[in-house]
Amino acid sequence: MLIIKKKVLIILSVFICLIFLLSIFGIIDYQMVKNYKEPIFCYYKTVIRDGGSKVYKGVGYTIINYYNPILNEHKLRIGILYDPKDPFSPKSRLLK
């Protein structure tokens, strides 16, 4: 019984440390994009054909730096386990 409790405690500790580490990665990448730098821990980057919005994907999170050339405005969004919603209305986009 004591061995099972010890194994559960070790697995739980590793899981909590992993979540904490991935959260730190997401916060660092978010701050990098916020300061107009490339993120460090993202494994995928693409540019949306809407005027220059950029998508950065990390382990468990997505950061999208939306850019609207008509309004000349940037908006930064982060999504945990999903893609964040576009903050601009569809009428203000270049491509429909």
PDB file of N, CA and C in Angstrom:
ATOM      1  N   MET A   1       0.818  -1.194   0.000  1.00  0.00           N
ATOM      2  CA  MET A   1       0.000   0.000   0.000  1.00  0.00           C
ATOM      3  C   MET A   1       0.863   1.259   0.000  1.00  0.00           C
ATOM      4  N   LEU A   2       1.941   1.228   0.745  1.00  0.00           N
ATOM      5  CA  LEU A   2       2.834   2.375   0.828  1.00  0.00           C
ATOM      6  C   LEU A   2       3.535   2.637  -0.504  1.00  0.00           C
ATOM      7  N   ILE A   3       3.849   1.558  -1.233  1.00  0.00           N
ATOM      8  CA  ILE A   3       4.512   1.700  -2.534  1.00  0.00           C
ATOM      9  C   ILE A   3       3.570   2.361  -3.535  1.00  0.00           C
ATOM     10  N   ILE A   4       2.295   2.009  -3.508  1.00  0.00           N
ATOM     11  CA  ILE A   4       1.313   2.599  -4.423  1.00  0.00           C
ATOM     12  C   ILE A   4       1.149   4.089  -4.135  1.00  0.00           C
ATOM     13  N   LYS A   5       1.075   4.469  -2.877  1.00  0.00           N
ATOM     14  CA  LYS A   5       0.948   5.886  -2.525  1.00  0.00           C
ATOM     15  C   LYS A   5       2.171   6.667  -2.980  1.00  0.00           C
ATOM     16  N   LYS A   6       3.338   6.058  -2.851  1.00  0.00           N
ATOM     17  CA  LYS A   6       4.570   6.725  -3.263  1.00  0.00           C
ATOM     18  C   LYS A   6       4.602   6.916  -4.777  1.00  0.00           C
ATOM     19  N   LYS A   7       4.156   5.901  -5.534  1.00  0.00           N
ATOM     20  CA  LYS A   7       4.119   6.000  -6.996  1.00  0.00           C
ATOM     21  C   LYS A   7       3.125   7.075  -7.442  1.00  0.00           C
ATOM     22  N   VAL A   8       1.964   7.103  -6.807  1.00  0.00           N
ATOM     23  CA  VAL A   8       0.952   8.113  -7.140  1.00  0.00           C
ATOM     24  C   VAL A   8       1.487   9.508  -6.839  1.00  0.00           C
ATOM     25  N   LEU A   9       2.173   9.660  -5.734  1.00  0.00           N
ATOM     26  CA  LEU A   9       2.748  10.951  -5.367  1.00  0.00           C
ATOM     27  C   LEU A   9       3.814  11.388  -6.372  1.00  0.00           C
ATOM     28  N   ILE A  10       4.635  10.463  -6.827  1.00  0.00           N
ATOM     29  CA  ILE A  10       5.669  10.784  -7.817  1.00  0.00           C
ATOM     30  C   ILE A  10       5.028  11.177  -9.142  1.00  0.00           C
ATOM     31  N   ILE A  11       4.037  10.413  -9.597  1.00  0.00           N
ATOM     32  CA  ILE A  11       3.359  10.727 -10.860  1.00  0.00           C
ATOM     33  C   ILE A  11       2.660  12.078 -10.770  1.00  0.00           C
ATOM     34  N   LEU A  12       1.996  12.341  -9.673  1.00  0.00           N
ATOM     35  CA  LEU A  12       1.315  13.621  -9.480  1.00  0.00           C
ATOM     36  C   LEU A  12       2.312  14.777  -9.453  1.00  0.00           C
ATOM     37  N   SER A  13       3.434  14.588  -8.798  1.00  0.00           N
ATOM     38  CA  SER A  13       4.470  15.633  -8.738  1.00  0.00           C
ATOM     39  C   SER A  13       5.044  15.930 -10.117  1.00  0.00           C
ATOM     40  N   VAL A  14       5.308  14.893 -10.899  1.00  0.00           N
ATOM     41  CA  VAL A  14       5.825  15.083 -12.259  1.00  0.00           C
ATOM     42  C   VAL A  14       4.793  15.809 -13.114  1.00  0.00           C
ATOM     43  N   PHE A  15       3.533  15.436 -12.991  1.00  0.00           N
ATOM     44  CA  PHE A  15       2.461  16.072 -13.759  1.00  0.00           C
ATOM     45  C   PHE A  15       2.338  17.555 -13.411  1.00  0.00           C
ATOM     46  N   ILE A  16       2.376  17.892 -12.147  1.00  0.00           N
ATOM     47  CA  ILE A  16       2.281  19.294 -11.714  1.00  0.00           C
ATOM     48  C   ILE A  16       3.493  20.089 -12.192  1.00  0.00           C
ATOM     49  N   CYS A  17       4.675  19.502 -12.105  1.00  0.00           N
ATOM     50  CA  CYS A  17       5.888  20.185 -12.590  1.00  0.00           C
ATOM     51  C   CYS A  17       5.823  20.419 -14.092  1.00  0.00           C
ATOM     52  N   LEU A  18       5.292  19.450 -14.834  1.00  0.00           N
ATOM     53  CA  LEU A  18       5.165  19.589 -16.282  1.00  0.00           C
ATOM     54  C   LEU A  18       4.192  20.710 -16.640  1.00  0.00           C
ATOM     55  N   ILE A  19       3.063  20.778 -15.961  1.00  0.00           N
ATOM     56  CA  ILE A  19       2.101  21.857 -16.202  1.00  0.00           C
ATOM     57  C   ILE A  19       2.716  23.209 -15.862  1.00  0.00           C
ATOM     58  N   PHE A  20       3.431  23.282 -14.769  1.00  0.00           N
ATOM     59  CA  PHE A  20       4.093  24.525 -14.373  1.00  0.00           C
ATOM     60  C   PHE A  20       5.122  24.954 -15.419  1.00  0.00           C
ATOM     61  N   LEU A  21       5.916  24.011 -15.903  1.00  0.00           N
ATOM     62  CA  LEU A  21       6.941  24.311 -16.901  1.00  0.00           C
ATOM     63  C   LEU A  21       6.323  24.792 -18.216  1.00  0.00           C
ATOM     64  N   LEU A  22       5.261  24.120 -18.671  1.00  0.00           N
ATOM     65  CA  LEU A  22       4.594  24.535 -19.907  1.00  0.00           C
ATOM     66  C   LEU A  22       3.933  25.903 -19.749  1.00  0.00           C
ATOM     67  N   SER A  23       3.432  26.205 -18.563  1.00  0.00           N
ATOM     68  CA  SER A  23       2.859  27.536 -18.306  1.00  0.00           C
ATOM     69  C   SER A  23       3.931  28.613 -18.400  1.00  0.00           C
ATOM     70  N   ILE A  24       5.098  28.340 -17.858  1.00  0.00           N
ATOM     71  CA  ILE A  24       6.213  29.289 -17.939  1.00  0.00           C
ATOM     72  C   ILE A  24       6.612  29.506 -19.399  1.00  0.00           C
ATOM     73  N   PHE A  25       6.656  28.423 -20.191  1.00  0.00           N
ATOM     74  CA  PHE A  25       6.976  28.553 -21.621  1.00  0.00           C
ATOM     75  C   PHE A  25       5.966  29.461 -22.317  1.00  0.00           C
ATOM     76  N   GLY A  26       4.678  29.267 -22.033  1.00  0.00           N
ATOM     77  CA  GLY A  26       3.639  30.086 -22.649  1.00  0.00           C
ATOM     78  C   GLY A  26       3.736  31.548 -22.250  1.00  0.00           C
ATOM     79  N   ILE A  27       4.023  31.812 -20.986  1.00  0.00           N
ATOM     80  CA  ILE A  27       4.149  33.197 -20.511  1.00  0.00           C
ATOM     81  C   ILE A  27       5.348  33.880 -21.153  1.00  0.00           C
ATOM     82  N   ILE A  28       6.466  33.170 -21.247  1.00  0.00           N
ATOM     83  CA  ILE A  28       7.664  33.749 -21.870  1.00  0.00           C
ATOM     84  C   ILE A  28       7.406  34.050 -23.339  1.00  0.00           C
ATOM     85  N   ASP A  29       6.795  33.105 -24.070  1.00  0.00           N
ATOM     86  CA  ASP A  29       6.503  33.339 -25.485  1.00  0.00           C
ATOM     87  C   ASP A  29       5.526  34.493 -25.673  1.00  0.00           C
ATOM     88  N   TYR A  30       4.516  34.579 -24.822  1.00  0.00           N
ATOM     89  CA  TYR A  30       3.544  35.674 -24.910  1.00  0.00           C
ATOM     90  C   TYR A  30       4.240  37.025 -24.730  1.00  0.00           C
ATOM     91  N   GLN A  31       5.115  37.113 -23.741  1.00  0.00           N
ATOM     92  CA  GLN A  31       5.835  38.367 -23.500  1.00  0.00           C
ATOM     93  C   GLN A  31       6.777  38.702 -24.655  1.00  0.00           C
ATOM     94  N   MET A  32       7.384  37.684 -25.256  1.00  0.00           N
ATOM     95  CA  MET A  32       8.269  37.927 -26.403  1.00  0.00           C
ATOM     96  C   MET A  32       7.472  38.513 -27.573  1.00  0.00           C
ATOM     97  N   VAL A  33       6.318  37.911 -27.884  1.00  0.00           N
ATOM     98  CA  VAL A  33       5.489  38.411 -28.987  1.00  0.00           C
ATOM     99  C   VAL A  33       4.947  39.792 -28.651  1.00  0.00           C
ATOM    100  N   LYS A  34       4.592  40.016 -27.401  1.00  0.00           N
ATOM    101  CA  LYS A  34       4.082  41.320 -26.964  1.00  0.00           C
ATOM    102  C   LYS A  34       5.125  42.418 -27.169  1.00  0.00           C
ATOM    103  N   ASN A  35       6.400  42.065 -27.023  1.00  0.00           N
ATOM    104  CA  ASN A  35       7.497  43.019 -27.213  1.00  0.00           C
ATOM    105  C   ASN A  35       8.070  42.972 -28.627  1.00  0.00           C
ATOM    106  N   TYR A  36       7.276  42.465 -29.593  1.00  0.00           N
ATOM    107  CA  TYR A  36       7.623  42.423 -31.017  1.00  0.00           C
ATOM    108  C   TYR A  36       8.892  41.622 -31.293  1.00  0.00           C
ATOM    109  N   LYS A  37       9.075  40.506 -30.570  1.00  0.00           N
ATOM    110  CA  LYS A  37      10.190  39.592 -30.806  1.00  0.00           C
ATOM    111  C   LYS A  37       9.626  38.219 -31.145  1.00  0.00           C
ATOM    112  N   GLU A  38      10.467  37.367 -31.713  1.00  0.00           N
ATOM    113  CA  GLU A  38      10.044  36.010 -32.038  1.00  0.00           C
ATOM    114  C   GLU A  38      10.014  35.164 -30.763  1.00  0.00           C
ATOM    115  N   PRO A  39       8.985  34.329 -30.593  1.00  0.00           N
ATOM    116  CA  PRO A  39       8.931  33.471 -29.406  1.00  0.00           C
ATOM    117  C   PRO A  39      10.014  32.391 -29.444  1.00  0.00           C
ATOM    118  N   ILE A  40      10.412  31.929 -28.276  1.00  0.00           N
ATOM    119  CA  ILE A  40      11.505  30.969 -28.156  1.00  0.00           C
ATOM    120  C   ILE A  40      11.006  29.525 -28.205  1.00  0.00           C
ATOM    121  N   PHE A  41       9.911  29.222 -27.530  1.00  0.00           N
ATOM    122  CA  PHE A  41       9.492  27.847 -27.313  1.00  0.00           C
ATOM    123  C   PHE A  41       8.397  27.368 -28.267  1.00  0.00           C
ATOM    124  N   CYS A  42       8.038  28.141 -29.260  1.00  0.00           N
ATOM    125  CA  CYS A  42       7.010  27.721 -30.210  1.00  0.00           C
ATOM    126  C   CYS A  42       7.621  26.807 -31.266  1.00  0.00           C
ATOM    127  N   TYR A  43       6.873  25.788 -31.649  1.00  0.00           N
ATOM    128  CA  TYR A  43       7.371  24.829 -32.627  1.00  0.00           C
ATOM    129  C   TYR A  43       6.799  25.066 -34.020  1.00  0.00           C
ATOM    130  N   TYR A  44       5.847  25.973 -34.167  1.00  0.00           N
ATOM    131  CA  TYR A  44       5.209  26.197 -35.462  1.00  0.00           C
ATOM    132  C   TYR A  44       4.844  27.666 -35.592  1.00  0.00           C
ATOM    133  N   LYS A  45       5.125  28.223 -36.759  1.00  0.00           N
ATOM    134  CA  LYS A  45       4.783  29.621 -37.024  1.00  0.00           C
ATOM    135  C   LYS A  45       4.222  29.709 -38.435  1.00  0.00           C
ATOM    136  N   THR A  46       3.166  30.469 -38.592  1.00  0.00           N
ATOM    137  CA  THR A  46       2.607  30.711 -39.913  1.00  0.00           C
ATOM    138  C   THR A  46       2.061  32.134 -39.965  1.00  0.00           C
ATOM    139  N   VAL A  47       1.893  32.631 -41.169  1.00  0.00           N
ATOM    140  CA  VAL A  47       1.334  33.964 -41.379  1.00  0.00           C
ATOM    141  C   VAL A  47      -0.019  33.796 -42.056  1.00  0.00           C
ATOM    142  N   ILE A  48      -1.032  34.417 -41.491  1.00  0.00           N
ATOM    143  CA  ILE A  48      -2.376  34.368 -42.063  1.00  0.00           C
ATOM    144  C   ILE A  48      -2.449  35.388 -43.193  1.00  0.00           C
ATOM    145  N   ARG A  49      -3.110  35.019 -44.270  1.00  0.00           N
ATOM    146  CA  ARG A  49      -3.219  35.914 -45.421  1.00  0.00           C
ATOM    147  C   ARG A  49      -4.368  36.906 -45.241  1.00  0.00           C
ATOM    148  N   ASP A  50      -4.311  37.664 -44.184  1.00  0.00           N
ATOM    149  CA  ASP A  50      -5.334  38.667 -43.922  1.00  0.00           C
ATOM    150  C   ASP A  50      -4.722  40.047 -43.768  1.00  0.00           C
ATOM    151  N   GLY A  51      -3.453  40.159 -44.069  1.00  0.00           N
ATOM    152  CA  GLY A  51      -2.774  41.436 -43.931  1.00  0.00           C
ATOM    153  C   GLY A  51      -1.527  41.345 -43.076  1.00  0.00           C
ATOM    154  N   GLY A  52      -1.246  40.171 -42.512  1.00  0.00           N
ATOM    155  CA  GLY A  52      -0.014  40.014 -41.760  1.00  0.00           C
ATOM    156  C   GLY A  52      -0.141  39.456 -40.359  1.00  0.00           C
ATOM    157  N   SER A  53      -1.279  38.869 -40.007  1.00  0.00           N
ATOM    158  CA  SER A  53      -1.413  38.249 -38.690  1.00  0.00           C
ATOM    159  C   SER A  53      -0.514  37.020 -38.616  1.00  0.00           C
ATOM    160  N   LYS A  54       0.088  36.787 -37.435  1.00  0.00           N
ATOM    161  CA  LYS A  54       1.007  35.663 -37.260  1.00  0.00           C
ATOM    162  C   LYS A  54       0.488  34.716 -36.190  1.00  0.00           C
ATOM    163  N   VAL A  55       0.630  33.420 -36.456  1.00  0.00           N
ATOM    164  CA  VAL A  55       0.191  32.374 -35.534  1.00  0.00           C
ATOM    165  C   VAL A  55       1.421  31.626 -35.040  1.00  0.00           C
ATOM    166  N   TYR A  56       1.547  31.523 -33.718  1.00  0.00           N
ATOM    167  CA  TYR A  56       2.633  30.777 -33.090  1.00  0.00           C
ATOM    168  C   TYR A  56       2.012  29.667 -32.250  1.00  0.00           C
ATOM    169  N   LYS A  57       2.441  28.426 -32.476  1.00  0.00           N
ATOM    170  CA  LYS A  57       1.908  27.295 -31.714  1.00  0.00           C
ATOM    171  C   LYS A  57       2.993  26.717 -30.830  1.00  0.00           C
ATOM    172  N   GLY A  58       2.656  26.565 -29.561  1.00  0.00           N
ATOM    173  CA  GLY A  58       3.535  25.924 -28.596  1.00  0.00           C
ATOM    174  C   GLY A  58       2.871  24.668 -28.073  1.00  0.00           C
ATOM    175  N   VAL A  59       3.482  24.017 -27.118  1.00  0.00           N
ATOM    176  CA  VAL A  59       2.920  22.795 -26.547  1.00  0.00           C
ATOM    177  C   VAL A  59       1.772  23.182 -25.610  1.00  0.00           C
ATOM    178  N   GLY A  60       0.539  23.024 -26.087  1.00  0.00           N
ATOM    179  CA  GLY A  60      -0.635  23.303 -25.267  1.00  0.00           C
ATOM    180  C   GLY A  60      -1.168  24.715 -25.376  1.00  0.00           C
ATOM    181  N   TYR A  61      -0.576  25.555 -26.186  1.00  0.00           N
ATOM    182  CA  TYR A  61      -1.062  26.931 -26.315  1.00  0.00           C
ATOM    183  C   TYR A  61      -0.843  27.444 -27.735  1.00  0.00           C
ATOM    184  N   THR A  62      -1.630  28.446 -28.097  1.00  0.00           N
ATOM    185  CA  THR A  62      -1.521  29.118 -29.384  1.00  0.00           C
ATOM    186  C   THR A  62      -1.525  30.612 -29.129  1.00  0.00           C
ATOM    187  N   ILE A  63      -0.566  31.310 -29.732  1.00  0.00           N
ATOM    188  CA  ILE A  63      -0.499  32.768 -29.631  1.00  0.00           C
ATOM    189  C   ILE A  63      -0.723  33.318 -31.029  1.00  0.00           C
ATOM    190  N   ILE A  64      -1.685  34.219 -31.164  1.00  0.00           N
ATOM    191  CA  ILE A  64      -1.947  34.845 -32.457  1.00  0.00           C
ATOM    192  C   ILE A  64      -1.795  36.348 -32.299  1.00  0.00           C
ATOM    193  N   ASN A  65      -0.930  36.914 -33.124  1.00  0.00           N
ATOM    194  CA  ASN A  65      -0.733  38.358 -33.169  1.00  0.00           C
ATOM    195  C   ASN A  65      -1.539  38.867 -34.364  1.00  0.00           C
ATOM    196  N   TYR A  66      -2.776  39.260 -34.101  1.00  0.00           N
ATOM    197  CA  TYR A  66      -3.650  39.739 -35.168  1.00  0.00           C
ATOM    198  C   TYR A  66      -3.206  41.122 -35.611  1.00  0.00           C
ATOM    199  N   TYR A  67      -3.222  41.324 -36.928  1.00  0.00           N
ATOM    200  CA  TYR A  67      -2.910  42.643 -37.479  1.00  0.00           C
ATOM    201  C   TYR A  67      -3.981  42.995 -38.490  1.00  0.00           C
ATOM    202  N   ASN A  68      -4.513  44.199 -38.362  1.00  0.00           N
ATOM    203  CA  ASN A  68      -5.507  44.695 -39.299  1.00  0.00           C
ATOM    204  C   ASN A  68      -4.916  45.898 -40.015  1.00  0.00           C
ATOM    205  N   PRO A  69      -4.532  45.745 -41.303  1.00  0.00           N
ATOM    206  CA  PRO A  69      -3.904  46.860 -42.013  1.00  0.00           C
ATOM    207  C   PRO A  69      -4.860  48.016 -42.303  1.00  0.00           C
ATOM    208  N   ILE A  70      -6.149  47.742 -42.363  1.00  0.00           N
ATOM    209  CA  ILE A  70      -7.112  48.816 -42.618  1.00  0.00           C
ATOM    210  C   ILE A  70      -7.174  49.751 -41.415  1.00  0.00           C
ATOM    211  N   LEU A  71      -7.204  49.178 -40.221  1.00  0.00           N
ATOM    212  CA  LEU A  71      -7.236  49.977 -38.995  1.00  0.00           C
ATOM    213  C   LEU A  71      -5.835  50.287 -38.474  1.00  0.00           C
ATOM    214  N   ASN A  72      -4.814  49.645 -39.051  1.00  0.00           N
ATOM    215  CA  ASN A  72      -3.418  49.761 -38.607  1.00  0.00           C
ATOM    216  C   ASN A  72      -3.311  49.468 -37.107  1.00  0.00           C
ATOM    217  N   GLU A  73      -3.828  48.296 -36.733  1.00  0.00           N
ATOM    218  CA  GLU A  73      -3.918  47.944 -35.319  1.00  0.00           C
ATOM    219  C   GLU A  73      -3.489  46.492 -35.101  1.00  0.00           C
ATOM    220  N   HIS A  74      -2.737  46.257 -34.025  1.00  0.00           N
ATOM    221  CA  HIS A  74      -2.327  44.914 -33.601  1.00  0.00           C
ATOM    222  C   HIS A  74      -3.128  44.521 -32.366  1.00  0.00           C
ATOM    223  N   LYS A  75      -3.516  43.246 -32.297  1.00  0.00           N
ATOM    224  CA  LYS A  75      -4.144  42.703 -31.090  1.00  0.00           C
ATOM    225  C   LYS A  75      -3.557  41.322 -30.855  1.00  0.00           C
ATOM    226  N   LEU A  76      -3.151  41.075 -29.632  1.00  0.00           N
ATOM    227  CA  LEU A  76      -2.487  39.833 -29.265  1.00  0.00           C
ATOM    228  C   LEU A  76      -3.434  38.970 -28.444  1.00  0.00           C
ATOM    229  N   ARG A  77      -3.577  37.697 -28.840  1.00  0.00           N
ATOM    230  CA  ARG A  77      -4.449  36.763 -28.131  1.00  0.00           C
ATOM    231  C   ARG A  77      -3.698  35.463 -27.875  1.00  0.00           C
ATOM    232  N   ILE A  78      -3.994  34.834 -26.742  1.00  0.00           N
ATOM    233  CA  ILE A  78      -3.437  33.524 -26.421  1.00  0.00           C
ATOM    234  C   ILE A  78      -4.586  32.581 -26.114  1.00  0.00           C
ATOM    235  N   GLY A  79      -4.460  31.357 -26.596  1.00  0.00           N
ATOM    236  CA  GLY A  79      -5.464  30.337 -26.336  1.00  0.00           C
ATOM    237  C   GLY A  79      -4.805  29.104 -25.752  1.00  0.00           C
ATOM    238  N   ILE A  80      -5.404  28.573 -24.715  1.00  0.00           N
ATOM    239  CA  ILE A  80      -4.908  27.355 -24.096  1.00  0.00           C
ATOM    240  C   ILE A  80      -5.729  26.194 -24.659  1.00  0.00           C
ATOM    241  N   LEU A  81      -5.080  25.304 -25.394  1.00  0.00           N
ATOM    242  CA  LEU A  81      -5.681  24.122 -26.017  1.00  0.00           C
ATOM    243  C   LEU A  81      -6.706  24.448 -27.107  1.00  0.00           C
ATOM    244  N   TYR A  82      -6.772  25.681 -27.586  1.00  0.00           N
ATOM    245  CA  TYR A  82      -7.650  26.047 -28.696  1.00  0.00           C
ATOM    246  C   TYR A  82      -7.105  27.310 -29.354  1.00  0.00           C
ATOM    247  N   ASP A  83      -7.638  27.643 -30.537  1.00  0.00           N
ATOM    248  CA  ASP A  83      -7.243  28.876 -31.212  1.00  0.00           C
ATOM    249  C   ASP A  83      -8.115  30.019 -30.717  1.00  0.00           C
ATOM    250  N   PRO A  84      -7.509  31.151 -30.354  1.00  0.00           N
ATOM    251  CA  PRO A  84      -8.305  32.283 -29.870  1.00  0.00           C
ATOM    252  C   PRO A  84      -9.153  32.900 -30.977  1.00  0.00           C
ATOM    253  N   LYS A  85     -10.213  33.585 -30.570  1.00  0.00           N
ATOM    254  CA  LYS A  85     -11.151  34.214 -31.502  1.00  0.00           C
ATOM    255  C   LYS A  85     -10.555  35.494 -32.078  1.00  0.00           C
ATOM    256  N   ASP A  86     -10.841  35.745 -33.353  1.00  0.00           N
ATOM    257  CA  ASP A  86     -10.379  36.955 -34.032  1.00  0.00           C
ATOM    258  C   ASP A  86     -11.072  38.175 -33.417  1.00  0.00           C
ATOM    259  N   PRO A  87     -10.315  39.157 -32.913  1.00  0.00           N
ATOM    260  CA  PRO A  87     -10.928  40.315 -32.254  1.00  0.00           C
ATOM    261  C   PRO A  87     -11.496  41.350 -33.222  1.00  0.00           C
ATOM    262  N   PHE A  88     -11.144  41.257 -34.501  1.00  0.00           N
ATOM    263  CA  PHE A  88     -11.618  42.232 -35.480  1.00  0.00           C
ATOM    264  C   PHE A  88     -12.872  41.718 -36.176  1.00  0.00           C
ATOM    265  N   SER A  89     -13.734  42.631 -36.574  1.00  0.00           N
ATOM    266  CA  SER A  89     -14.938  42.234 -37.295  1.00  0.00           C
ATOM    267  C   SER A  89     -14.559  41.799 -38.708  1.00  0.00           C
ATOM    268  N   PRO A  90     -15.323  40.880 -39.304  1.00  0.00           N
ATOM    269  CA  PRO A  90     -15.003  40.419 -40.662  1.00  0.00           C
ATOM    270  C   PRO A  90     -15.057  41.529 -41.710  1.00  0.00           C
ATOM    271  N   LYS A  91     -15.819  42.581 -41.457  1.00  0.00           N
ATOM    272  CA  LYS A  91     -15.925  43.679 -42.424  1.00  0.00           C
ATOM    273  C   LYS A  91     -14.645  44.495 -42.509  1.00  0.00           C
ATOM    274  N   SER A  92     -13.814  44.429 -41.481  1.00  0.00           N
ATOM    275  CA  SER A  92     -12.588  45.227 -41.481  1.00  0.00           C
ATOM    276  C   SER A  92     -11.389  44.442 -42.010  1.00  0.00           C
ATOM    277  N   ARG A  93     -11.610  43.275 -42.595  1.00  0.00           N
ATOM    278  CA  ARG A  93     -10.540  42.436 -43.129  1.00  0.00           C
ATOM    279  C   ARG A  93     -10.335  42.699 -44.614  1.00  0.00           C
ATOM    280  N   LEU A  94      -9.099  42.459 -45.085  1.00  0.00           N
ATOM    281  CA  LEU A  94      -8.805  42.605 -46.506  1.00  0.00           C
ATOM    282  C   LEU A  94      -9.432  41.475 -47.315  1.00  0.00           C
ATOM    283  N   LEU A  95      -9.273  40.232 -46.844  1.00  0.00           N
ATOM    284  CA  LEU A  95      -9.823  39.071 -47.534  1.00  0.00           C
ATOM    285  C   LEU A  95     -11.121  38.655 -46.875  1.00  0.00           C
ATOM    286  N   LYS A  96     -12.091  38.353 -47.662  1.00  0.00           N
ATOM    287  CA  LYS A  96     -13.398  37.950 -47.132  1.00  0.00           C
ATOM    288  C   LYS A  96     -13.513  36.447 -47.119  1.00  0.00           C
TER     289      LYS A  96
END
